[in-house]
Amino acid sequence: METDNIVLEHLRAIRATVDRISEDMQEVKARLGILEHQYASLSTRIDRIDERVFRIEKRLSLVEA
């Protein structure tokens, strides 16, 4: 009987740990999604700035057309 209790205790501890890991992973995925969105936004802004700088350099004849 005591062996059954020990096994059940271990299974409950494992389940609790898995539940915590699952919750942590959900949070990590949500935060990663936010970071991906922010990266995409920054990347787009940098591309636009790069295009604008190129046009300015071209107008000032700082680069070959």
N, C-alpha and C. Protein backbone atom coordinates (compact mmCIF):
# COMPACT_ATOMS: atom_id res chain seq x y z
N MET A 1 0.81 -1.20 0.00
CA MET A 1 0.00 0.00 0.00
C MET A 1 0.86 1.27 0.00
N GLU A 2 1.93 1.26 0.80
CA GLU A 2 2.75 2.45 0.87
C GLU A 2 3.44 2.74 -0.46
N THR A 3 3.77 1.70 -1.20
CA THR A 3 4.37 1.88 -2.51
C THR A 3 3.42 2.62 -3.44
N ASP A 4 2.13 2.27 -3.38
CA ASP A 4 1.13 2.96 -4.19
C ASP A 4 1.08 4.44 -3.86
N ASN A 5 1.14 4.76 -2.57
CA ASN A 5 1.10 6.16 -2.16
C ASN A 5 2.32 6.93 -2.65
N ILE A 6 3.48 6.29 -2.59
CA ILE A 6 4.70 6.95 -3.05
C ILE A 6 4.62 7.22 -4.55
N VAL A 7 4.14 6.24 -5.30
CA VAL A 7 4.00 6.40 -6.75
C VAL A 7 3.01 7.53 -7.05
N LEU A 8 1.89 7.54 -6.35
CA LEU A 8 0.89 8.60 -6.56
C LEU A 8 1.46 9.97 -6.22
N GLU A 9 2.22 10.05 -5.15
CA GLU A 9 2.84 11.33 -4.78
C GLU A 9 3.79 11.81 -5.88
N HIS A 10 4.59 10.90 -6.41
CA HIS A 10 5.51 11.26 -7.47
C HIS A 10 4.76 11.68 -8.73
N LEU A 11 3.71 10.96 -9.06
CA LEU A 11 2.92 11.32 -10.24
C LEU A 11 2.27 12.69 -10.07
N ARG A 12 1.79 12.98 -8.89
CA ARG A 12 1.19 14.30 -8.63
C ARG A 12 2.24 15.41 -8.74
N ALA A 13 3.43 15.12 -8.22
CA ALA A 13 4.51 16.11 -8.30
C ALA A 13 4.91 16.34 -9.76
N ILE A 14 4.97 15.26 -10.52
CA ILE A 14 5.31 15.37 -11.94
C ILE A 14 4.24 16.17 -12.67
N ARG A 15 2.98 15.88 -12.39
CA ARG A 15 1.88 16.61 -13.03
C ARG A 15 1.94 18.09 -12.70
N ALA A 16 2.22 18.42 -11.44
CA ALA A 16 2.30 19.82 -11.03
C ALA A 16 3.45 20.52 -11.77
N THR A 17 4.57 19.83 -11.90
CA THR A 17 5.72 20.40 -12.60
C THR A 17 5.39 20.62 -14.08
N VAL A 18 4.76 19.64 -14.70
CA VAL A 18 4.39 19.77 -16.11
C VAL A 18 3.40 20.92 -16.29
N ASP A 19 2.47 21.07 -15.38
CA ASP A 19 1.51 22.18 -15.46
C ASP A 19 2.22 23.53 -15.39
N ARG A 20 3.19 23.65 -14.48
CA ARG A 20 3.95 24.90 -14.36
C ARG A 20 4.75 25.18 -15.63
N ILE A 21 5.37 24.13 -16.17
CA ILE A 21 6.15 24.29 -17.40
C ILE A 21 5.23 24.71 -18.55
N SER A 22 4.07 24.12 -18.60
CA SER A 22 3.10 24.46 -19.65
C SER A 22 2.69 25.93 -19.55
N GLU A 23 2.43 26.41 -18.35
CA GLU A 23 2.07 27.81 -18.15
C GLU A 23 3.23 28.72 -18.54
N ASP A 24 4.44 28.32 -18.15
CA ASP A 24 5.61 29.11 -18.50
C ASP A 24 5.79 29.19 -20.01
N MET A 25 5.58 28.07 -20.69
CA MET A 25 5.73 28.05 -22.15
C MET A 25 4.70 28.94 -22.82
N GLN A 26 3.49 28.96 -22.31
CA GLN A 26 2.47 29.85 -22.87
C GLN A 26 2.90 31.30 -22.74
N GLU A 27 3.46 31.65 -21.59
CA GLU A 27 3.94 33.02 -21.39
C GLU A 27 5.11 33.33 -22.33
N VAL A 28 6.03 32.39 -22.47
CA VAL A 28 7.18 32.58 -23.35
C VAL A 28 6.71 32.77 -24.80
N LYS A 29 5.75 31.97 -25.24
CA LYS A 29 5.23 32.10 -26.60
C LYS A 29 4.57 33.46 -26.81
N ALA A 30 3.83 33.91 -25.83
CA ALA A 30 3.17 35.22 -25.95
C ALA A 30 4.21 36.33 -26.03
N ARG A 31 5.23 36.26 -25.19
CA ARG A 31 6.26 37.29 -25.19
C ARG A 31 7.08 37.24 -26.48
N LEU A 32 7.34 36.05 -26.99
CA LEU A 32 8.06 35.90 -28.24
C LEU A 32 7.26 36.50 -29.39
N GLY A 33 5.96 36.31 -29.37
CA GLY A 33 5.10 36.90 -30.39
C GLY A 33 5.18 38.41 -30.38
N ILE A 34 5.21 38.98 -29.20
CA ILE A 34 5.35 40.44 -29.07
C ILE A 34 6.69 40.89 -29.64
N LEU A 35 7.75 40.17 -29.30
CA LEU A 35 9.08 40.53 -29.80
C LEU A 35 9.15 40.42 -31.33
N GLU A 36 8.54 39.38 -31.88
CA GLU A 36 8.53 39.23 -33.34
C GLU A 36 7.80 40.39 -34.00
N HIS A 37 6.70 40.80 -33.40
CA HIS A 37 5.93 41.93 -33.95
C HIS A 37 6.76 43.21 -33.89
N GLN A 38 7.41 43.44 -32.76
CA GLN A 38 8.23 44.64 -32.61
C GLN A 38 9.41 44.62 -33.59
N TYR A 39 10.02 43.46 -33.79
CA TYR A 39 11.13 43.35 -34.73
C TYR A 39 10.67 43.66 -36.15
N ALA A 40 9.53 43.12 -36.53
CA ALA A 40 9.01 43.38 -37.88
C ALA A 40 8.74 44.87 -38.07
N SER A 41 8.18 45.50 -37.05
CA SER A 41 7.89 46.93 -37.12
C SER A 41 9.17 47.74 -37.25
N LEU A 42 10.16 47.41 -36.44
CA LEU A 42 11.44 48.13 -36.50
C LEU A 42 12.14 47.89 -37.83
N SER A 43 12.07 46.67 -38.32
CA SER A 43 12.70 46.35 -39.60
C SER A 43 12.08 47.18 -40.72
N THR A 44 10.78 47.31 -40.71
CA THR A 44 10.08 48.11 -41.72
C THR A 44 10.51 49.57 -41.62
N ARG A 45 10.57 50.09 -40.42
CA ARG A 45 10.97 51.48 -40.23
C ARG A 45 12.40 51.71 -40.70
N ILE A 46 13.29 50.80 -40.39
CA ILE A 46 14.69 50.93 -40.81
C ILE A 46 14.79 50.89 -42.32
N ASP A 47 14.02 50.01 -42.96
CA ASP A 47 14.03 49.95 -44.43
C ASP A 47 13.58 51.28 -45.03
N ARG A 48 12.55 51.88 -44.46
CA ARG A 48 12.08 53.18 -44.97
C ARG A 48 13.12 54.26 -44.77
N ILE A 49 13.77 54.27 -43.63
CA ILE A 49 14.82 55.25 -43.36
C ILE A 49 15.97 55.06 -44.34
N ASP A 50 16.33 53.81 -44.59
CA ASP A 50 17.41 53.50 -45.54
C ASP A 50 17.07 54.03 -46.93
N GLU A 51 15.84 53.84 -47.36
CA GLU A 51 15.41 54.36 -48.67
C GLU A 51 15.47 55.88 -48.71
N ARG A 52 15.04 56.52 -47.64
CA ARG A 52 15.07 57.98 -47.60
C ARG A 52 16.51 58.50 -47.64
N VAL A 53 17.40 57.88 -46.89
CA VAL A 53 18.80 58.30 -46.88
C VAL A 53 19.40 58.12 -48.27
N PHE A 54 19.08 57.01 -48.93
CA PHE A 54 19.59 56.78 -50.28
C PHE A 54 19.12 57.88 -51.23
N ARG A 55 17.83 58.26 -51.15
CA ARG A 55 17.32 59.33 -52.01
C ARG A 55 18.03 60.65 -51.73
N ILE A 56 18.27 60.94 -50.46
CA ILE A 56 18.98 62.17 -50.09
C ILE A 56 20.39 62.14 -50.65
N GLU A 57 21.09 61.03 -50.48
CA GLU A 57 22.45 60.91 -51.01
C GLU A 57 22.46 61.06 -52.53
N LYS A 58 21.45 60.49 -53.17
CA LYS A 58 21.36 60.58 -54.63
C LYS A 58 21.16 62.03 -55.07
N ARG A 59 20.27 62.76 -54.39
CA ARG A 59 20.02 64.17 -54.72
C ARG A 59 21.24 65.03 -54.52
N LEU A 60 22.02 64.70 -53.50
CA LEU A 60 23.22 65.47 -53.19
C LEU A 60 24.42 64.97 -54.00
N SER A 61 24.17 64.00 -54.86
CA SER A 61 25.25 63.40 -55.69
C SER A 61 26.36 62.80 -54.85
N LEU A 62 25.98 62.20 -53.75
CA LEU A 62 26.95 61.53 -52.89
C LEU A 62 27.15 60.08 -53.29
N VAL A 63 26.22 59.55 -54.09
CA VAL A 63 26.31 58.18 -54.59
C VAL A 63 26.01 58.20 -56.08
N GLU A 64 26.47 57.18 -56.78
CA GLU A 64 26.16 57.07 -58.20
C GLU A 64 24.74 56.60 -58.38
N ALA A 65 24.05 57.16 -59.35
CA ALA A 65 22.64 56.86 -59.58
C ALA A 65 22.43 55.50 -60.18
